[in-house]
Amino acid sequence: MTEGPTILGGTAIKPVERHGFEKCRYFCYDPDKGTIMGRTGKSWALITVFYLIYYACLSAFWLLMMYIFFLTIRYDQPRWIAEESLIGTSPGLGLRPEQPDATIDSSMIIFNKNSEMSSPNVPGWGLWKDKIDRFLVYYDEAGKRCNGTDPATKDEPCNFNVNSLGDCAKGNYGYSTGQPCLYFKLNKIFGVANDHYNDADELPEEMPAELTQHIRSQRDKEKVWVDCHGENPADVEAMGKVRYFPNHRGLPGMYFPYLNQLNYRSPMVAVQFMNAKMGQLIHIECRAWAKNIGYDRMDRIGMVHFELLMFDTPTAKEYEKSYE
């Protein structure tokens, strides 16, 4: 019987089967092949050199990109300023005191004027007093005393005098007597000097008549004016009389522009509601007036909206019963 043709590659060598600890030991070091974890010493050296070069090049590229990026920015001011930036030159109007963390999404100032402590559904006036205390403590003696001819500089800002806020700078800030004070200031935008309505003949037609009359009576008109009013006829009636501190009811131009000065404190206007109606929710809008400050009620540009709801003890008890 003749032998058949030989098939190339038809012969296979069965590998040695190892199990358990022996398999693990041979993976760590195979004395037959001289490999460590499947690679020879030469193979490990080559792959180590490859990754050292690879990550060194990657790190160098990243550092080069970071270096180029930092060349485009400045540490003392933003890269894009005023009209060149997305923020623009129209600062927003901020309200203090801020809401507690539990009601951060609310715009309601609610309290019982006859109680310092809070009840389950009606905060006491002490909540707002504590927040104002923490807010005003930042307005220390930092900065220099300025006047209309000595504005803020890049090295030293003007110091805002908290005592100019009158009754809104002392005591319980009117909360324990049902005459609460609220504080308004412009959001800081680097390098923006506001364009004021300093000519009585250029006042816009939509400006409230009472504010127009007030501006005409002022000698120094280099200010951003602040005005608060009820949003609806019922709100106007319930809001009652308000007082502004300082009495010129404006944010003087000497405090601007903001230039990232150390210890800079934004000027503010305090508004005290003298005889707002108890137990009625009052919708109030406060607006900043300057030529560069836009206004849009829907997008809350140039203004701030909030609700004021004050109680005395009898109306607070009625309000509490509505939750029972």
Protein backbone atom coordinates (compact mmCIF):
# COMPACT_ATOMS: atom_id res chain seq x y z
CA MET A 1 0.00 0.00 0.00
CA THR A 2 1.43 3.27 -1.07
CA GLU A 3 1.57 6.26 1.27
CA GLY A 4 -0.53 9.31 0.44
CA PRO A 5 0.87 12.75 -0.23
CA THR A 6 2.29 14.71 2.69
CA ILE A 7 0.10 17.69 3.66
CA LEU A 8 2.13 20.74 4.52
CA GLY A 9 1.10 22.25 7.80
CA GLY A 10 -0.90 19.26 8.74
CA THR A 11 1.23 18.56 11.80
CA ALA A 12 0.41 20.48 15.01
CA ILE A 13 2.11 20.40 18.38
CA LYS A 14 -0.25 20.35 21.29
CA PRO A 15 0.78 22.98 23.85
CA VAL A 16 1.47 21.98 27.38
CA GLU A 17 -1.62 22.41 29.50
CA ARG A 18 -1.10 23.95 32.91
CA HIS A 19 -3.68 24.70 35.53
CA GLY A 20 -4.11 26.63 38.73
CA PHE A 21 -1.04 28.01 40.45
CA GLU A 22 1.31 26.51 37.87
CA LYS A 23 -0.44 28.43 35.05
CA CYS A 24 -0.19 31.67 37.03
CA ARG A 25 3.49 31.03 37.81
CA TYR A 26 4.34 30.39 34.16
CA PHE A 27 2.48 33.56 33.11
CA CYS A 28 4.56 35.65 35.49
CA TYR A 29 7.76 33.98 34.34
CA ASP A 30 8.18 31.24 31.73
CA PRO A 31 11.65 29.69 32.16
CA ASP A 32 11.33 27.78 28.89
CA LYS A 33 10.83 30.89 26.76
CA GLY A 34 12.40 33.43 29.09
CA THR A 35 9.27 35.67 29.06
CA ILE A 36 7.76 37.81 31.77
CA MET A 37 3.95 38.17 31.44
CA GLY A 38 4.15 37.04 27.84
CA ARG A 39 6.97 39.35 26.74
CA THR A 40 10.73 39.02 26.60
CA GLY A 41 12.98 41.61 28.17
CA LYS A 42 13.72 43.10 24.76
CA SER A 43 10.01 43.35 23.94
CA TRP A 44 9.30 45.13 27.25
CA ALA A 45 12.15 47.56 26.65
CA LEU A 46 10.89 48.43 23.15
CA ILE A 47 7.29 49.01 24.21
CA THR A 48 8.42 51.09 27.22
CA VAL A 49 10.54 53.35 25.00
CA PHE A 50 7.64 53.68 22.54
CA TYR A 51 5.15 54.86 25.17
CA LEU A 52 7.69 57.18 26.80
CA ILE A 53 8.20 58.92 23.46
CA TYR A 54 4.45 58.87 22.68
CA TYR A 55 3.33 60.46 25.96
CA ALA A 56 6.24 62.89 25.95
CA CYS A 57 5.13 64.18 22.53
CA LEU A 58 1.50 64.29 23.68
CA SER A 59 2.42 66.28 26.80
CA ALA A 60 4.58 68.67 24.80
CA PHE A 61 1.73 69.29 22.37
CA TRP A 62 -0.71 69.94 25.24
CA LEU A 63 1.72 72.34 26.96
CA LEU A 64 2.26 74.19 23.68
CA MET A 65 -1.50 74.62 23.22
CA MET A 66 -1.87 75.87 26.80
CA TYR A 67 0.98 78.32 26.29
CA ILE A 68 -0.63 79.69 23.13
CA PHE A 69 -3.98 79.94 24.92
CA PHE A 70 -2.55 81.90 27.86
CA LEU A 71 -0.93 84.32 25.44
CA THR A 72 -4.43 85.39 24.37
CA ILE A 73 -5.75 86.29 27.84
CA ARG A 74 -4.97 88.87 30.47
CA TYR A 75 -4.96 88.31 34.19
CA ASP A 76 -6.15 91.78 35.15
CA GLN A 77 -9.17 92.04 32.85
CA PRO A 78 -11.36 89.99 30.48
CA ARG A 79 -10.24 89.38 26.91
CA TRP A 80 -13.44 90.89 25.50
CA ILE A 81 -14.82 94.07 27.09
CA ALA A 82 -18.06 96.03 26.80
CA GLU A 83 -19.48 96.00 23.26
CA GLU A 84 -16.99 93.34 22.18
CA SER A 85 -18.25 90.85 24.78
CA LEU A 86 -21.40 88.75 24.89
CA ILE A 87 -22.42 90.48 28.14
CA GLY A 88 -22.46 93.89 26.49
CA THR A 89 -22.86 97.20 28.31
CA SER A 90 -26.26 96.71 29.92
CA PRO A 91 -25.81 95.56 33.53
CA GLY A 92 -28.59 93.79 35.38
CA LEU A 93 -30.19 95.11 38.54
CA GLY A 94 -29.61 92.96 41.62
CA LEU A 95 -31.80 92.68 44.73
CA ARG A 96 -30.73 92.12 48.31
CA PRO A 97 -31.41 90.41 50.67
CA GLU A 98 -31.20 87.13 48.79
CA GLN A 99 -33.63 84.28 49.23
CA PRO A 100 -32.87 81.45 51.70
CA ASP A 101 -31.53 78.24 50.17
CA ALA A 102 -34.86 76.47 50.74
CA THR A 103 -36.71 79.02 48.55
CA ILE A 104 -33.91 80.01 46.18
CA ASP A 105 -36.26 79.88 43.18
CA SER A 106 -38.75 82.27 44.80
CA SER A 107 -38.94 86.04 44.37
CA MET A 108 -41.20 86.63 47.38
CA ILE A 109 -40.22 88.70 50.41
CA ILE A 110 -42.56 87.31 53.07
CA PHE A 111 -42.46 87.81 56.86
CA ASN A 112 -44.44 88.50 60.02
CA LYS A 113 -43.56 91.92 61.38
CA ASN A 114 -44.70 90.95 64.88
CA SER A 115 -42.45 87.91 65.18
CA GLU A 116 -38.69 87.65 64.96
CA MET A 117 -38.85 83.85 64.87
CA SER A 118 -40.22 81.94 61.90
CA SER A 119 -43.29 79.72 61.98
CA PRO A 120 -43.73 76.69 59.70
CA ASN A 121 -45.28 78.74 56.88
CA VAL A 122 -44.48 82.38 57.67
CA PRO A 123 -40.86 83.52 58.20
CA GLY A 124 -40.14 85.97 60.97
CA TRP A 125 -38.50 89.32 60.30
CA GLY A 126 -35.30 88.05 61.94
CA LEU A 127 -34.54 85.91 58.87
CA TRP A 128 -34.24 88.97 56.63
CA LYS A 129 -32.45 91.09 59.24
CA ASP A 130 -29.71 88.47 59.58
CA LYS A 131 -29.25 88.35 55.81
CA ILE A 132 -28.96 92.14 55.59
CA ASP A 133 -26.48 92.17 58.47
CA ARG A 134 -24.24 89.75 56.55
CA PHE A 135 -24.66 91.76 53.35
CA LEU A 136 -23.79 95.17 54.81
CA VAL A 137 -20.77 93.93 56.75
CA TYR A 138 -18.83 93.79 53.47
CA TYR A 139 -19.23 97.53 53.05
CA ASP A 140 -16.34 98.44 55.31
CA GLU A 141 -13.90 101.32 55.12
CA ALA A 142 -12.01 99.83 52.17
CA GLY A 143 -11.38 102.27 49.36
CA LYS A 144 -11.06 106.03 49.33
CA ARG A 145 -13.52 108.80 49.93
CA CYS A 146 -14.56 110.15 46.55
CA ASN A 147 -16.51 113.06 45.19
CA GLY A 148 -17.79 114.03 41.79
CA THR A 149 -14.37 115.26 40.64
CA ASP A 150 -12.38 112.41 42.19
CA PRO A 151 -13.75 109.17 40.73
CA ALA A 152 -12.61 105.63 41.25
CA THR A 153 -9.27 104.59 39.81
CA LYS A 154 -7.90 101.25 38.65
CA ASP A 155 -5.88 100.94 41.86
CA GLU A 156 -8.39 102.24 44.40
CA PRO A 157 -12.18 102.18 44.27
CA CYS A 158 -14.49 104.67 45.92
CA ASN A 159 -15.80 103.65 49.31
CA PHE A 160 -19.59 103.53 49.48
CA ASN A 161 -20.81 105.12 52.70
CA VAL A 162 -23.42 102.79 54.22
CA ASN A 163 -24.53 105.55 56.58
CA SER A 164 -26.00 107.35 53.57
CA LEU A 165 -28.75 104.70 53.62
CA GLY A 166 -30.34 106.36 56.63
CA ASP A 167 -32.91 104.17 58.40
CA CYS A 168 -31.97 101.31 56.07
CA ALA A 169 -28.50 101.13 57.62
CA LYS A 170 -29.40 100.57 61.26
CA GLY A 171 -31.63 98.71 63.66
CA ASN A 172 -33.90 96.07 62.21
CA TYR A 173 -34.00 97.82 58.83
CA GLY A 174 -37.72 98.50 59.27
CA TYR A 175 -38.78 94.84 59.22
CA SER A 176 -40.04 94.79 62.81
CA THR A 177 -42.29 97.81 62.13
CA GLY A 178 -43.67 96.70 58.77
CA GLN A 179 -41.48 99.18 56.86
CA PRO A 180 -38.91 96.87 55.23
CA CYS A 181 -35.83 98.02 53.34
CA LEU A 182 -34.65 96.37 50.14
CA TYR A 183 -31.33 97.08 48.43
CA PHE A 184 -30.60 97.41 44.72
CA LYS A 185 -27.27 97.48 42.93
CA LEU A 186 -25.98 96.95 39.41
CA ASN A 187 -24.22 93.75 38.45
CA LYS A 188 -20.53 94.35 37.85
CA ILE A 189 -19.37 94.50 34.23
CA PHE A 190 -15.70 95.25 33.68
CA GLY A 191 -14.92 98.59 32.07
CA VAL A 192 -18.49 99.84 31.66
CA ALA A 193 -19.08 103.48 32.52
CA ASN A 194 -22.80 104.15 32.40
CA ASP A 195 -24.28 106.71 30.03
CA HIS A 196 -26.52 108.86 32.23
CA TYR A 197 -29.65 110.88 31.57
CA ASN A 198 -27.92 114.11 32.54
CA ASP A 199 -29.99 116.37 30.30
CA ALA A 200 -33.54 117.02 31.50
CA ASP A 201 -34.66 117.55 27.90
CA GLU A 202 -33.55 114.04 26.87
CA LEU A 203 -35.55 112.04 29.40
CA PRO A 204 -37.52 109.24 27.72
CA GLU A 205 -41.29 109.57 27.46
CA GLU A 206 -41.93 106.26 29.21
CA MET A 207 -40.06 107.40 32.34
CA PRO A 208 -42.45 107.78 35.30
CA ALA A 209 -43.54 111.38 35.84
CA GLU A 210 -42.51 111.30 39.50
CA LEU A 211 -38.97 110.20 38.56
CA THR A 212 -38.79 112.79 35.80
CA GLN A 213 -39.69 115.51 38.27
CA HIS A 214 -37.10 114.23 40.72
CA ILE A 215 -34.31 114.19 38.10
CA ARG A 216 -35.13 117.74 37.04
CA SER A 217 -34.74 118.85 40.66
CA GLN A 218 -31.26 117.35 41.04
CA ARG A 219 -28.14 119.40 40.38
CA ASP A 220 -25.92 116.35 39.91
CA LYS A 221 -27.49 114.16 37.25
CA GLU A 222 -24.49 111.86 36.70
CA LYS A 223 -26.30 108.87 38.14
CA VAL A 224 -28.10 105.66 37.25
CA TRP A 225 -31.59 106.29 38.58
CA VAL A 226 -33.64 103.64 40.39
CA ASP A 227 -37.43 103.59 40.44
CA CYS A 228 -39.86 101.12 42.04
CA HIS A 229 -43.58 100.86 41.35
CA GLY A 230 -46.46 98.43 41.61
CA GLU A 231 -47.02 96.41 38.46
CA ASN A 232 -50.81 96.66 38.50
CA PRO A 233 -53.27 99.32 39.76
CA ALA A 234 -54.06 97.18 42.82
CA ASP A 235 -50.32 96.82 43.50
CA VAL A 236 -49.76 100.58 43.21
CA GLU A 237 -52.46 101.20 45.79
CA ALA A 238 -51.27 98.47 48.17
CA MET A 239 -47.57 99.40 47.90
CA GLY A 240 -48.14 102.83 49.40
CA LYS A 241 -45.38 105.37 49.93
CA VAL A 242 -41.71 104.53 49.43
CA ARG A 243 -38.52 106.28 50.50
CA TYR A 244 -35.19 106.10 48.70
CA PHE A 245 -31.75 106.18 50.33
CA PRO A 246 -29.58 108.01 49.55
CA ASN A 247 -32.30 110.58 48.92
CA HIS A 248 -30.97 111.31 45.42
CA ARG A 249 -32.10 107.71 44.60
CA GLY A 250 -29.27 107.12 42.18
CA LEU A 251 -26.00 105.23 41.70
CA PRO A 252 -23.36 107.95 41.22
CA GLY A 253 -21.02 107.73 38.26
CA MET A 254 -17.95 108.20 40.46
CA TYR A 255 -18.17 104.52 41.47
CA PHE A 256 -17.79 103.34 37.87
CA PRO A 257 -16.30 101.76 35.89
CA TYR A 258 -15.53 98.56 37.72
CA LEU A 259 -11.90 97.68 36.94
CA ASN A 260 -11.35 94.66 39.18
CA GLN A 261 -10.14 96.89 42.00
CA LEU A 262 -9.28 95.32 45.32
CA ASN A 263 -12.07 95.77 47.90
CA TYR A 264 -14.49 97.13 45.30
CA ARG A 265 -18.04 97.45 46.63
CA SER A 266 -20.91 98.26 44.30
CA PRO A 267 -22.94 101.35 45.20
CA MET A 268 -26.56 100.72 46.04
CA VAL A 269 -29.92 102.34 46.54
CA ALA A 270 -32.13 101.28 49.45
CA VAL A 271 -35.90 101.43 49.06
CA GLN A 272 -38.08 101.48 52.18
CA PHE A 273 -41.76 100.63 51.89
CA MET A 274 -43.42 102.87 54.44
CA ASN A 275 -47.05 101.70 54.59
CA ALA A 276 -47.50 98.64 52.40
CA LYS A 277 -50.78 96.82 53.00
CA MET A 278 -50.68 93.88 55.38
CA GLY A 279 -51.72 90.45 54.16
CA GLN A 280 -51.81 91.36 50.46
CA LEU A 281 -49.41 90.01 47.88
CA ILE A 282 -47.90 93.05 46.14
CA HIS A 283 -46.18 92.67 42.77
CA ILE A 284 -43.37 95.23 42.45
CA GLU A 285 -40.96 96.11 39.68
CA CYS A 286 -37.80 98.14 40.19
CA ARG A 287 -35.92 99.47 37.20
CA ALA A 288 -32.51 101.03 36.58
CA TRP A 289 -32.55 104.05 34.24
CA ALA A 290 -29.53 104.91 32.07
CA LYS A 291 -29.00 105.25 28.34
CA ASN A 292 -26.86 102.12 28.15
CA ILE A 293 -29.19 99.96 30.25
CA GLY A 294 -31.78 98.13 28.20
CA TYR A 295 -35.24 97.16 29.38
CA ASP A 296 -37.27 94.05 28.68
CA ARG A 297 -39.85 92.79 31.14
CA MET A 298 -40.07 89.32 29.58
CA ASP A 299 -36.30 88.71 29.73
CA ARG A 300 -35.87 90.66 33.00
CA ILE A 301 -33.35 93.04 31.44
CA GLY A 302 -32.60 96.25 33.33
CA MET A 303 -35.13 95.50 36.05
CA VAL A 304 -35.95 93.18 38.92
CA HIS A 305 -39.34 91.77 39.85
CA PHE A 306 -40.36 90.58 43.30
CA GLU A 307 -43.40 90.12 45.49
CA LEU A 308 -43.84 91.63 48.94
CA LEU A 309 -46.13 89.92 51.44
CA MET A 310 -46.18 91.21 55.01
CA PHE A 311 -48.21 89.96 57.95
CA ASP A 312 -49.02 91.12 61.42
CA THR A 313 -50.08 88.54 64.00
CA PRO A 314 -53.82 88.42 63.08
CA THR A 315 -53.23 88.14 59.31
CA ALA A 316 -50.43 85.63 59.86
CA LYS A 317 -52.80 83.36 61.83
CA GLU A 318 -55.35 83.51 59.02
CA TYR A 319 -52.60 82.63 56.53
CA GLU A 320 -51.48 79.71 58.67
CA LYS A 321 -55.05 78.36 58.82
CA SER A 322 -55.11 78.14 55.02
CA TYR A 323 -52.46 75.39 55.28
CA GLU A 324 -54.45 73.34 57.77
